[in-house]
Amino acid sequence: MSEVNPIAGNSGAPMPSSVGRVKLEATAASAAPGTQATSRMQGQDRVELSDHARHLERLRQLPDVRQGKVEAAKAAIADGIYESPDRLRAALLRMLDDIEGG
C-alpha cells in the first residue's frame, strides 16, 4: 500500500488531475472501438474513502499540541503546585505498571 498517496499530496497542494486520466485514456484507446470496455471506462472516475481514511484525515487536522494542557501545566509549575506527592505517587505507580506489564 505504499503506492497510495493522500489526495492533496504531501505539500497540501492538490495533485494535477491529468495524473489519473492518462492511464485511463491509454487503456480506453487500446480497446477496440465500440466495445463494452471502452464505454465503461469513459466518464466514470470514482473514489471511495474508507472510514479509516476519514478518521485519519480528522486526526491529521488536529493540532499537534493541546495548548490548553500546556498552559495549565505551566501555570501549575509557576504556582509551585504541579509536583505534589499525590502526582509523584501516581506517576511512579503508572511507571511500575508499565514495567511489570511489559
PDB file of N, CA and C in Angstrom:
ATOM      1  N   MET A   1       0.808  -1.202   0.000  1.00  0.00           N
ATOM      2  CA  MET A   1       0.000   0.000   0.000  1.00  0.00           C
ATOM      3  C   MET A   1       0.846   1.258   0.000  1.00  0.00           C
ATOM      4  N   SER A   2       2.154   1.140  -0.091  1.00  0.00           N
ATOM      5  CA  SER A   2       2.997   2.324  -0.058  1.00  0.00           C
ATOM      6  C   SER A   2       2.817   3.204  -1.286  1.00  0.00           C
ATOM      7  N   GLU A   3       2.142   2.695  -2.302  1.00  0.00           N
ATOM      8  CA  GLU A   3       1.941   3.476  -3.517  1.00  0.00           C
ATOM      9  C   GLU A   3       0.724   4.394  -3.423  1.00  0.00           C
ATOM     10  N   VAL A   4      -0.026   4.326  -2.313  1.00  0.00           N
ATOM     11  CA  VAL A   4      -1.222   5.142  -2.156  1.00  0.00           C
ATOM     12  C   VAL A   4      -0.818   6.465  -1.523  1.00  0.00           C
ATOM     13  N   ASN A   5      -1.133   7.563  -2.173  1.00  0.00           N
ATOM     14  CA  ASN A   5      -0.806   8.891  -1.667  1.00  0.00           C
ATOM     15  C   ASN A   5      -2.072   9.609  -1.273  1.00  0.00           C
ATOM     16  N   PRO A   6      -1.986  10.548  -0.307  1.00  0.00           N
ATOM     17  CA  PRO A   6      -3.164  11.349   0.007  1.00  0.00           C
ATOM     18  C   PRO A   6      -3.580  12.174  -1.203  1.00  0.00           C
ATOM     19  N   ILE A   7      -4.843  12.506  -1.277  1.00  0.00           N
ATOM     20  CA  ILE A   7      -5.371  13.232  -2.422  1.00  0.00           C
ATOM     21  C   ILE A   7      -4.666  14.563  -2.596  1.00  0.00           C
ATOM     22  N   ALA A   8      -4.377  15.257  -1.505  1.00  0.00           N
ATOM     23  CA  ALA A   8      -3.753  16.565  -1.599  1.00  0.00           C
ATOM     24  C   ALA A   8      -2.245  16.486  -1.744  1.00  0.00           C
ATOM     25  N   GLY A   9      -1.654  15.305  -1.654  1.00  0.00           N
ATOM     26  CA  GLY A   9      -0.200  15.185  -1.724  1.00  0.00           C
ATOM     27  C   GLY A   9       0.425  15.607  -0.411  1.00  0.00           C
ATOM     28  N   ASN A  10       1.719  15.516  -0.287  1.00  0.00           N
ATOM     29  CA  ASN A  10       2.404  15.841   0.961  1.00  0.00           C
ATOM     30  C   ASN A  10       2.465  17.322   1.235  1.00  0.00           C
ATOM     31  N   SER A  11       2.521  18.139   0.211  1.00  0.00           N
ATOM     32  CA  SER A  11       2.687  19.570   0.414  1.00  0.00           C
ATOM     33  C   SER A  11       1.372  20.275   0.667  1.00  0.00           C
ATOM     34  N   GLY A  12       0.258  19.590   0.564  1.00  0.00           N
ATOM     35  CA  GLY A  12      -1.040  20.200   0.749  1.00  0.00           C
ATOM     36  C   GLY A  12      -1.615  20.771  -0.538  1.00  0.00           C
ATOM     37  N   ALA A  13      -0.808  20.847  -1.592  1.00  0.00           N
ATOM     38  CA  ALA A  13      -1.296  21.359  -2.880  1.00  0.00           C
ATOM     39  C   ALA A  13      -2.020  20.241  -3.602  1.00  0.00           C
ATOM     40  N   PRO A  14      -3.105  20.539  -4.283  1.00  0.00           N
ATOM     41  CA  PRO A  14      -3.832  19.486  -4.995  1.00  0.00           C
ATOM     42  C   PRO A  14      -2.972  18.861  -6.082  1.00  0.00           C
ATOM     43  N   MET A  15      -3.177  17.561  -6.272  1.00  0.00           N
ATOM     44  CA  MET A  15      -2.437  16.861  -7.318  1.00  0.00           C
ATOM     45  C   MET A  15      -3.062  17.187  -8.669  1.00  0.00           C
ATOM     46  N   PRO A  16      -2.278  17.215  -9.728  1.00  0.00           N
ATOM     47  CA  PRO A  16      -2.835  17.512 -11.047  1.00  0.00           C
ATOM     48  C   PRO A  16      -3.858  16.465 -11.451  1.00  0.00           C
ATOM     49  N   SER A  17      -4.942  16.900 -12.081  1.00  0.00           N
ATOM     50  CA  SER A  17      -5.998  15.968 -12.460  1.00  0.00           C
ATOM     51  C   SER A  17      -5.583  15.070 -13.616  1.00  0.00           C
ATOM     52  N   SER A  18      -4.575  15.443 -14.377  1.00  0.00           N
ATOM     53  CA  SER A  18      -4.172  14.639 -15.524  1.00  0.00           C
ATOM     54  C   SER A  18      -3.441  13.370 -15.123  1.00  0.00           C
ATOM     55  N   VAL A  19      -2.971  13.272 -13.886  1.00  0.00           N
ATOM     56  CA  VAL A  19      -2.185  12.120 -13.463  1.00  0.00           C
ATOM     57  C   VAL A  19      -2.990  10.833 -13.587  1.00  0.00           C
ATOM     58  N   GLY A  20      -4.210  10.813 -13.062  1.00  0.00           N
ATOM     59  CA  GLY A  20      -5.011   9.606 -13.101  1.00  0.00           C
ATOM     60  C   GLY A  20      -5.657   9.357 -14.453  1.00  0.00           C
ATOM     61  N   ARG A  21      -5.822  10.364 -15.272  1.00  0.00           N
ATOM     62  CA  ARG A  21      -6.551  10.218 -16.521  1.00  0.00           C
ATOM     63  C   ARG A  21      -5.681   9.700 -17.667  1.00  0.00           C
ATOM     64  N   VAL A  22      -4.388   9.899 -17.621  1.00  0.00           N
ATOM     65  CA  VAL A  22      -3.524   9.471 -18.721  1.00  0.00           C
ATOM     66  C   VAL A  22      -3.623   7.965 -18.900  1.00  0.00           C
ATOM     67  N   LYS A  23      -3.544   7.219 -17.807  1.00  0.00           N
ATOM     68  CA  LYS A  23      -3.607   5.766 -17.889  1.00  0.00           C
ATOM     69  C   LYS A  23      -4.990   5.317 -18.351  1.00  0.00           C
ATOM     70  N   LEU A  24      -6.038   5.962 -17.877  1.00  0.00           N
ATOM     71  CA  LEU A  24      -7.396   5.614 -18.261  1.00  0.00           C
ATOM     72  C   LEU A  24      -7.609   5.817 -19.752  1.00  0.00           C
ATOM     73  N   GLU A  25      -7.147   6.944 -20.292  1.00  0.00           N
ATOM     74  CA  GLU A  25      -7.316   7.220 -21.717  1.00  0.00           C
ATOM     75  C   GLU A  25      -6.497   6.262 -22.563  1.00  0.00           C
ATOM     76  N   ALA A  26      -5.297   5.922 -22.122  1.00  0.00           N
ATOM     77  CA  ALA A  26      -4.463   4.993 -22.876  1.00  0.00           C
ATOM     78  C   ALA A  26      -5.098   3.612 -22.906  1.00  0.00           C
ATOM     79  N   THR A  27      -5.688   3.194 -21.791  1.00  0.00           N
ATOM     80  CA  THR A  27      -6.334   1.888 -21.739  1.00  0.00           C
ATOM     81  C   THR A  27      -7.570   1.877 -22.624  1.00  0.00           C
ATOM     82  N   ALA A  28      -8.363   2.942 -22.580  1.00  0.00           N
ATOM     83  CA  ALA A  28      -9.571   3.023 -23.398  1.00  0.00           C
ATOM     84  C   ALA A  28      -9.217   3.073 -24.877  1.00  0.00           C
ATOM     85  N   ALA A  29      -8.129   3.735 -25.217  1.00  0.00           N
ATOM     86  CA  ALA A  29      -7.731   3.844 -26.618  1.00  0.00           C
ATOM     87  C   ALA A  29      -7.251   2.506 -27.154  1.00  0.00           C
ATOM     88  N   SER A  30      -6.696   1.651 -26.287  1.00  0.00           N
ATOM     89  CA  SER A  30      -6.179   0.374 -26.756  1.00  0.00           C
ATOM     90  C   SER A  30      -7.295  -0.642 -26.977  1.00  0.00           C
ATOM     91  N   ALA A  31      -8.464  -0.427 -26.390  1.00  0.00           N
ATOM     92  CA  ALA A  31      -9.587  -1.348 -26.601  1.00  0.00           C
ATOM     93  C   ALA A  31     -10.193  -1.088 -27.973  1.00  0.00           C
ATOM     94  N   ALA A  32     -10.808  -2.095 -28.503  1.00  0.00           N
ATOM     95  CA  ALA A  32     -11.439  -1.955 -29.824  1.00  0.00           C
ATOM     96  C   ALA A  32     -12.605  -0.981 -29.733  1.00  0.00           C
ATOM     97  N   PRO A  33     -12.768  -0.100 -30.747  1.00  0.00           N
ATOM     98  CA  PRO A  33     -13.864   0.868 -30.708  1.00  0.00           C
ATOM     99  C   PRO A  33     -15.215   0.166 -30.616  1.00  0.00           C
ATOM    100  N   GLY A  34     -16.100   0.736 -29.794  1.00  0.00           N
ATOM    101  CA  GLY A  34     -17.444   0.204 -29.665  1.00  0.00           C
ATOM    102  C   GLY A  34     -17.562  -0.963 -28.705  1.00  0.00           C
ATOM    103  N   THR A  35     -16.464  -1.381 -28.076  1.00  0.00           N
ATOM    104  CA  THR A  35     -16.555  -2.494 -27.141  1.00  0.00           C
ATOM    105  C   THR A  35     -17.116  -2.010 -25.815  1.00  0.00           C
ATOM    106  N   GLN A  36     -17.543  -2.936 -25.021  1.00  0.00           N
ATOM    107  CA  GLN A  36     -18.125  -2.603 -23.723  1.00  0.00           C
ATOM    108  C   GLN A  36     -17.071  -1.992 -22.806  1.00  0.00           C
ATOM    109  N   ALA A  37     -15.807  -2.424 -22.913  1.00  0.00           N
ATOM    110  CA  ALA A  37     -14.740  -1.884 -22.072  1.00  0.00           C
ATOM    111  C   ALA A  37     -14.545  -0.401 -22.330  1.00  0.00           C
ATOM    112  N   THR A  38     -14.622   0.010 -23.569  1.00  0.00           N
ATOM    113  CA  THR A  38     -14.428   1.423 -23.901  1.00  0.00           C
ATOM    114  C   THR A  38     -15.542   2.270 -23.309  1.00  0.00           C
ATOM    115  N   SER A  39     -16.788   1.868 -23.454  1.00  0.00           N
ATOM    116  CA  SER A  39     -17.900   2.669 -22.949  1.00  0.00           C
ATOM    117  C   SER A  39     -17.931   2.670 -21.428  1.00  0.00           C
ATOM    118  N   ARG A  40     -17.465   1.617 -20.809  1.00  0.00           N
ATOM    119  CA  ARG A  40     -17.458   1.537 -19.354  1.00  0.00           C
ATOM    120  C   ARG A  40     -16.408   2.465 -18.754  1.00  0.00           C
ATOM    121  N   MET A  41     -15.302   2.703 -19.428  1.00  0.00           N
ATOM    122  CA  MET A  41     -14.203   3.486 -18.887  1.00  0.00           C
ATOM    123  C   MET A  41     -14.394   4.987 -19.033  1.00  0.00           C
ATOM    124  N   GLN A  42     -15.179   5.421 -19.954  1.00  0.00           N
ATOM    125  CA  GLN A  42     -15.299   6.851 -20.205  1.00  0.00           C
ATOM    126  C   GLN A  42     -16.258   7.492 -19.216  1.00  0.00           C
ATOM    127  N   GLY A  43     -15.773   8.531 -18.528  1.00  0.00           N
ATOM    128  CA  GLY A  43     -16.612   9.328 -17.652  1.00  0.00           C
ATOM    129  C   GLY A  43     -17.050   8.652 -16.373  1.00  0.00           C
ATOM    130  N   GLN A  44     -16.312   7.667 -15.890  1.00  0.00           N
ATOM    131  CA  GLN A  44     -16.737   7.002 -14.672  1.00  0.00           C
ATOM    132  C   GLN A  44     -15.615   6.931 -13.642  1.00  0.00           C
ATOM    133  N   ASP A  45     -14.884   8.007 -13.464  1.00  0.00           N
ATOM    134  CA  ASP A  45     -13.877   8.044 -12.411  1.00  0.00           C
ATOM    135  C   ASP A  45     -14.605   8.019 -11.076  1.00  0.00           C
ATOM    136  N   ARG A  46     -14.069   7.288 -10.116  1.00  0.00           N
ATOM    137  CA  ARG A  46     -14.736   7.163  -8.836  1.00  0.00           C
ATOM    138  C   ARG A  46     -13.706   6.942  -7.744  1.00  0.00           C
ATOM    139  N   VAL A  47     -13.923   7.564  -6.615  1.00  0.00           N
ATOM    140  CA  VAL A  47     -13.043   7.398  -5.455  1.00  0.00           C
ATOM    141  C   VAL A  47     -13.901   7.012  -4.271  1.00  0.00           C
ATOM    142  N   GLU A  48     -13.473   6.001  -3.526  1.00  0.00           N
ATOM    143  CA  GLU A  48     -14.165   5.601  -2.312  1.00  0.00           C
ATOM    144  C   GLU A  48     -13.184   5.714  -1.156  1.00  0.00           C
ATOM    145  N   LEU A  49     -13.593   6.418  -0.109  1.00  0.00           N
ATOM    146  CA  LEU A  49     -12.758   6.567   1.078  1.00  0.00           C
ATOM    147  C   LEU A  49     -13.313   5.696   2.196  1.00  0.00           C
ATOM    148  N   SER A  50     -12.457   4.939   2.828  1.00  0.00           N
ATOM    149  CA  SER A  50     -12.899   4.088   3.929  1.00  0.00           C
ATOM    150  C   SER A  50     -13.109   4.933   5.179  1.00  0.00           C
ATOM    151  N   ASP A  51     -13.808   4.354   6.145  1.00  0.00           N
ATOM    152  CA  ASP A  51     -13.999   5.040   7.425  1.00  0.00           C
ATOM    153  C   ASP A  51     -12.654   5.295   8.091  1.00  0.00           C
ATOM    154  N   HIS A  52     -11.742   4.364   7.922  1.00  0.00           N
ATOM    155  CA  HIS A  52     -10.397   4.511   8.494  1.00  0.00           C
ATOM    156  C   HIS A  52      -9.681   5.717   7.891  1.00  0.00           C
ATOM    157  N   ALA A  53      -9.786   5.889   6.587  1.00  0.00           N
ATOM    158  CA  ALA A  53      -9.148   7.020   5.917  1.00  0.00           C
ATOM    159  C   ALA A  53      -9.758   8.336   6.387  1.00  0.00           C
ATOM    160  N   ARG A  54     -11.070   8.370   6.555  1.00  0.00           N
ATOM    161  CA  ARG A  54     -11.721   9.599   7.049  1.00  0.00           C
ATOM    162  C   ARG A  54     -11.273   9.913   8.471  1.00  0.00           C
ATOM    163  N   HIS A  55     -11.148   8.876   9.303  1.00  0.00           N
ATOM    164  CA  HIS A  55     -10.685   9.076  10.681  1.00  0.00           C
ATOM    165  C   HIS A  55      -9.248   9.600  10.705  1.00  0.00           C
ATOM    166  N   LEU A  56      -8.388   9.037   9.879  1.00  0.00           N
ATOM    167  CA  LEU A  56      -7.005   9.506   9.813  1.00  0.00           C
ATOM    168  C   LEU A  56      -6.919  10.958   9.359  1.00  0.00           C
ATOM    169  N   GLU A  57      -7.768  11.346   8.421  1.00  0.00           N
ATOM    170  CA  GLU A  57      -7.764  12.738   7.957  1.00  0.00           C
ATOM    171  C   GLU A  57      -8.189  13.680   9.085  1.00  0.00           C
ATOM    172  N   ARG A  58      -9.189  13.271   9.878  1.00  0.00           N
ATOM    173  CA  ARG A  58      -9.593  14.100  11.022  1.00  0.00           C
ATOM    174  C   ARG A  58      -8.452  14.219  12.023  1.00  0.00           C
ATOM    175  N   LEU A  59      -7.712  13.136  12.242  1.00  0.00           N
ATOM    176  CA  LEU A  59      -6.574  13.184  13.167  1.00  0.00           C
ATOM    177  C   LEU A  59      -5.476  14.109  12.652  1.00  0.00           C
ATOM    178  N   ARG A  60      -5.251  14.104  11.329  1.00  0.00           N
ATOM    179  CA  ARG A  60      -4.224  14.976  10.750  1.00  0.00           C
ATOM    180  C   ARG A  60      -4.584  16.451  10.920  1.00  0.00           C
ATOM    181  N   GLN A  61      -5.865  16.751  10.999  1.00  0.00           N
ATOM    182  CA  GLN A  61      -6.298  18.143  11.114  1.00  0.00           C
ATOM    183  C   GLN A  61      -6.238  18.663  12.546  1.00  0.00           C
ATOM    184  N   LEU A  62      -6.063  17.771  13.523  1.00  0.00           N
ATOM    185  CA  LEU A  62      -5.962  18.206  14.916  1.00  0.00           C
ATOM    186  C   LEU A  62      -4.612  18.883  15.143  1.00  0.00           C
ATOM    187  N   PRO A  63      -4.567  19.832  16.059  1.00  0.00           N
ATOM    188  CA  PRO A  63      -3.274  20.464  16.351  1.00  0.00           C
ATOM    189  C   PRO A  63      -2.334  19.465  17.020  1.00  0.00           C
ATOM    190  N   ASP A  64      -1.043  19.627  16.780  1.00  0.00           N
ATOM    191  CA  ASP A  64      -0.045  18.733  17.360  1.00  0.00           C
ATOM    192  C   ASP A  64       0.055  18.892  18.872  1.00  0.00           C
ATOM    193  N   VAL A  65      -0.230  20.085  19.373  1.00  0.00           N
ATOM    194  CA  VAL A  65      -0.085  20.392  20.789  1.00  0.00           C
ATOM    195  C   VAL A  65      -1.440  20.827  21.336  1.00  0.00           C
ATOM    196  N   ARG A  66      -1.827  20.233  22.467  1.00  0.00           N
ATOM    197  CA  ARG A  66      -3.053  20.678  23.122  1.00  0.00           C
ATOM    198  C   ARG A  66      -2.676  21.863  24.005  1.00  0.00           C
ATOM    199  N   GLN A  67      -2.808  23.046  23.456  1.00  0.00           N
ATOM    200  CA  GLN A  67      -2.327  24.269  24.086  1.00  0.00           C
ATOM    201  C   GLN A  67      -2.932  24.484  25.474  1.00  0.00           C
ATOM    202  N   GLY A  68      -4.176  24.118  25.675  1.00  0.00           N
ATOM    203  CA  GLY A  68      -4.820  24.282  26.986  1.00  0.00           C
ATOM    204  C   GLY A  68      -4.103  23.490  28.064  1.00  0.00           C
ATOM    205  N   LYS A  69      -3.718  22.261  27.740  1.00  0.00           N
ATOM    206  CA  LYS A  69      -2.981  21.424  28.693  1.00  0.00           C
ATOM    207  C   LYS A  69      -1.613  22.017  29.006  1.00  0.00           C
ATOM    208  N   VAL A  70      -0.949  22.517  27.975  1.00  0.00           N
ATOM    209  CA  VAL A  70       0.376  23.113  28.162  1.00  0.00           C
ATOM    210  C   VAL A  70       0.282  24.337  29.079  1.00  0.00           C
ATOM    211  N   GLU A  71      -0.697  25.194  28.824  1.00  0.00           N
ATOM    212  CA  GLU A  71      -0.860  26.406  29.635  1.00  0.00           C
ATOM    213  C   GLU A  71      -1.203  26.061  31.080  1.00  0.00           C
ATOM    214  N   ALA A  72      -2.052  25.054  31.281  1.00  0.00           N
ATOM    215  CA  ALA A  72      -2.417  24.643  32.648  1.00  0.00           C
ATOM    216  C   ALA A  72      -1.200  24.106  33.397  1.00  0.00           C
ATOM    217  N   ALA A  73      -0.379  23.322  32.717  1.00  0.00           N
ATOM    218  CA  ALA A  73       0.834  22.785  33.350  1.00  0.00           C
ATOM    219  C   ALA A  73       1.817  23.903  33.674  1.00  0.00           C
ATOM    220  N   LYS A  74       1.985  24.861  32.755  1.00  0.00           N
ATOM    221  CA  LYS A  74       2.881  25.995  33.016  1.00  0.00           C
ATOM    222  C   LYS A  74       2.413  26.796  34.219  1.00  0.00           C
ATOM    223  N   ALA A  75       1.116  27.030  34.306  1.00  0.00           N
ATOM    224  CA  ALA A  75       0.578  27.797  35.426  1.00  0.00           C
ATOM    225  C   ALA A  75       0.772  27.049  36.745  1.00  0.00           C
ATOM    226  N   ALA A  76       0.554  25.726  36.741  1.00  0.00           N
ATOM    227  CA  ALA A  76       0.736  24.929  37.950  1.00  0.00           C
ATOM    228  C   ALA A  76       2.197  24.914  38.382  1.00  0.00           C
ATOM    229  N   ILE A  77       3.105  24.828  37.434  1.00  0.00           N
ATOM    230  CA  ILE A  77       4.542  24.859  37.757  1.00  0.00           C
ATOM    231  C   ILE A  77       4.914  26.216  38.330  1.00  0.00           C
ATOM    232  N   ALA A  78       4.414  27.291  37.707  1.00  0.00           N
ATOM    233  CA  ALA A  78       4.722  28.644  38.183  1.00  0.00           C
ATOM    234  C   ALA A  78       4.169  28.875  39.584  1.00  0.00           C
ATOM    235  N   ASP A  79       3.025  28.294  39.895  1.00  0.00           N
ATOM    236  CA  ASP A  79       2.416  28.451  41.222  1.00  0.00           C
ATOM    237  C   ASP A  79       3.007  27.501  42.252  1.00  0.00           C
ATOM    238  N   GLY A  80       3.857  26.565  41.805  1.00  0.00           N
ATOM    239  CA  GLY A  80       4.501  25.626  42.719  1.00  0.00           C
ATOM    240  C   GLY A  80       3.595  24.489  43.162  1.00  0.00           C
ATOM    241  N   ILE A  81       2.520  24.229  42.455  1.00  0.00           N
ATOM    242  CA  ILE A  81       1.597  23.169  42.854  1.00  0.00           C
ATOM    243  C   ILE A  81       1.612  21.970  41.914  1.00  0.00           C
ATOM    244  N   TYR A  82       2.449  21.988  40.910  1.00  0.00           N
ATOM    245  CA  TYR A  82       2.446  20.892  39.932  1.00  0.00           C
ATOM    246  C   TYR A  82       2.994  19.602  40.526  1.00  0.00           C
ATOM    247  N   GLU A  83       4.120  19.684  41.198  1.00  0.00           N
ATOM    248  CA  GLU A  83       4.746  18.484  41.760  1.00  0.00           C
ATOM    249  C   GLU A  83       4.253  18.257  43.179  1.00  0.00           C
ATOM    250  N   SER A  84       3.179  17.545  43.310  1.00  0.00           N
ATOM    251  CA  SER A  84       2.645  17.215  44.629  1.00  0.00           C
ATOM    252  C   SER A  84       2.968  15.749  44.923  1.00  0.00           C
ATOM    253  N   PRO A  85       2.955  15.352  46.166  1.00  0.00           N
ATOM    254  CA  PRO A  85       3.202  13.942  46.500  1.00  0.00           C
ATOM    255  C   PRO A  85       2.214  13.000  45.814  1.00  0.00           C
ATOM    256  N   ASP A  86       0.966  13.425  45.684  1.00  0.00           N
ATOM    257  CA  ASP A  86      -0.022  12.573  45.015  1.00  0.00           C
ATOM    258  C   ASP A  86       0.320  12.374  43.542  1.00  0.00           C
ATOM    259  N   ARG A  87       0.754  13.432  42.858  1.00  0.00           N
ATOM    260  CA  ARG A  87       1.128  13.312  41.449  1.00  0.00           C
ATOM    261  C   ARG A  87       2.347  12.406  41.284  1.00  0.00           C
ATOM    262  N   LEU A  88       3.331  12.571  42.146  1.00  0.00           N
ATOM    263  CA  LEU A  88       4.533  11.729  42.062  1.00  0.00           C
ATOM    264  C   LEU A  88       4.191  10.265  42.321  1.00  0.00           C
ATOM    265  N   ARG A  89       3.342  10.001  43.306  1.00  0.00           N
ATOM    266  CA  ARG A  89       2.938   8.641  43.613  1.00  0.00           C
ATOM    267  C   ARG A  89       2.194   8.019  42.411  1.00  0.00           C
ATOM    268  N   ALA A  90       1.296   8.773  41.834  1.00  0.00           N
ATOM    269  CA  ALA A  90       0.550   8.270  40.674  1.00  0.00           C
ATOM    270  C   ALA A  90       1.487   7.991  39.499  1.00  0.00           C
ATOM    271  N   ALA A  91       2.446   8.879  39.267  1.00  0.00           N
ATOM    272  CA  ALA A  91       3.398   8.682  38.172  1.00  0.00           C
ATOM    273  C   ALA A  91       4.259   7.452  38.411  1.00  0.00           C
ATOM    274  N   LEU A  92       4.701   7.244  39.659  1.00  0.00           N
ATOM    275  CA  LEU A  92       5.517   6.067  39.972  1.00  0.00           C
ATOM    276  C   LEU A  92       4.711   4.781  39.812  1.00  0.00           C
ATOM    277  N   LEU A  93       3.456   4.794  40.235  1.00  0.00           N
ATOM    278  CA  LEU A  93       2.617   3.604  40.086  1.00  0.00           C
ATOM    279  C   LEU A  93       2.381   3.268  38.617  1.00  0.00           C
ATOM    280  N   ARG A  94       2.163   4.287  37.784  1.00  0.00           N
ATOM    281  CA  ARG A  94       1.996   4.049  36.340  1.00  0.00           C
ATOM    282  C   ARG A  94       3.272   3.485  35.735  1.00  0.00           C
ATOM    283  N   MET A  95       4.418   4.029  36.163  1.00  0.00           N
ATOM    284  CA  MET A  95       5.691   3.549  35.650  1.00  0.00           C
ATOM    285  C   MET A  95       5.905   2.083  36.049  1.00  0.00           C
ATOM    286  N   LEU A  96       5.600   1.734  37.304  1.00  0.00           N
ATOM    287  CA  LEU A  96       5.756   0.347  37.749  1.00  0.00           C
ATOM    288  C   LEU A  96       4.802  -0.577  36.998  1.00  0.00           C
ATOM    289  N   ASP A  97       3.573  -0.130  36.741  1.00  0.00           N
ATOM    290  CA  ASP A  97       2.637  -0.935  35.967  1.00  0.00           C
ATOM    291  C   ASP A  97       3.178  -1.181  34.566  1.00  0.00           C
ATOM    292  N   ASP A  98       3.768  -0.143  33.956  1.00  0.00           N
ATOM    293  CA  ASP A  98       4.340  -0.307  32.611  1.00  0.00           C
ATOM    294  C   ASP A  98       5.494  -1.311  32.619  1.00  0.00           C
ATOM    295  N   ILE A  99       6.330  -1.231  33.647  1.00  0.00           N
ATOM    296  CA  ILE A  99       7.492  -2.123  33.720  1.00  0.00           C
ATOM    297  C   ILE A  99       7.032  -3.563  33.956  1.00  0.00           C
ATOM    298  N   GLU A 100       6.111  -3.771  34.888  1.00  0.00           N
ATOM    299  CA  GLU A 100       5.641  -5.109  35.205  1.00  0.00           C
ATOM    300  C   GLU A 100       4.774  -5.702  34.098  1.00  0.00           C
ATOM    301  N   GLY A 101       4.010  -4.850  33.423  1.00  0.00           N
ATOM    302  CA  GLY A 101       3.125  -5.330  32.357  1.00  0.00           C
ATOM    303  C   GLY A 101       3.863  -5.623  31.071  1.00  0.00           C
ATOM    304  N   GLY A 102       4.986  -4.978  30.809  1.00  0.00           N
ATOM    305  CA  GLY A 102       5.699  -5.109  29.537  1.00  0.00           C
ATOM    306  C   GLY A 102       6.763  -6.088  29.588  1.00  0.00           C
TER     307      GLY A 102
END
